[in-house]
Amino acid sequence: MGSLSTSIIAFVIIFVGAVVGMLLRKVLPVHHLRDDSRDVIKLATGLVGTMSALVLGLLVASAKGFYDAQTTELTQLSANIAFLDRGLARYGPETKEAREALRNAAERILNQLWSENSAQASRLDPTSVGAGALYDQIEALAPKDDSQRFIRSQSLNMAMSIGQMRWLMYEQGALSISKPMLVIMIFWLTVTFVIWGLLSAPNPTIIVTMLVSALSVSGAILLLLEMYSPYEGLIRVSDAPLRAALAHLGH
């Protein structure tokens, strides 16, 4: 299920909880909502609401950290690709095939992470980007002097670094928010809204307030889920660094 669909479902559940609370207010005996009972209900609501706010805030902060890490890793990967191409260019014309393999690998990374096919998951598969061929071609170079030997050694290290970074991005792409945690958080929020509805006399102002509050909370859930999917959905990591690197390859 997509992040937008999940957040819409969360919004409906939470707002329906507020409506259920308003309906319960009309059904429950009056003595259930007297001052002493209301005080206990408010304390319970404060406890659940505080837990919900803390967990939601921590999850959003964690998702933002994950999103920023993906952005940093992509920028570093793009810089390493461009730097490797410059090094191979300094080696000499013998690296033409290796530089072409590097460009093909970079294009495959771009196409995998920002696929135009909406039905295809935008996730990097490091086994299909031609990294093995690139490493083999660099390793097969026969340096003629110390300068070429140094460039070959550094290029092999850089190719290994690029490969490690691709695998890191691949493994991190499988991370997501825990579904039980998300369900529990939505349950807490729903309980909070049920009690708010129970303690509030229904009128247009209260209903609009509940609606906006539920929309705000579901918006935070949407933001959370989107940042855990940085290469698909509404909030995506920019492909500008990789495209900028591609524009300089081969020159």
Foldseek 3Di string as FASTA:
>chain_A
DDLVVVLVVLLVLQLVLLVLLLVVLVVDDPVCCDPVNVVVLVVVLVVLVVVLVVVLVVLLVVLVVLLVVLLVLLLVLLVLLLVLLVLLVVLDPLCVVLLVLSLQLLVVLVCQLQPPPQVHANAQDLVPSNLVVNLVSLVPDDHDDPSNVVSSVVSNVSSVVSSVSNVVRRVLLPDFDDPVVVVVSSVSSSSSSSSVSNNDNDDPVSSVVSSVVSSVVSVSSSSSRCSSRQRDDDHHRDCVSSVVSSVNRPD
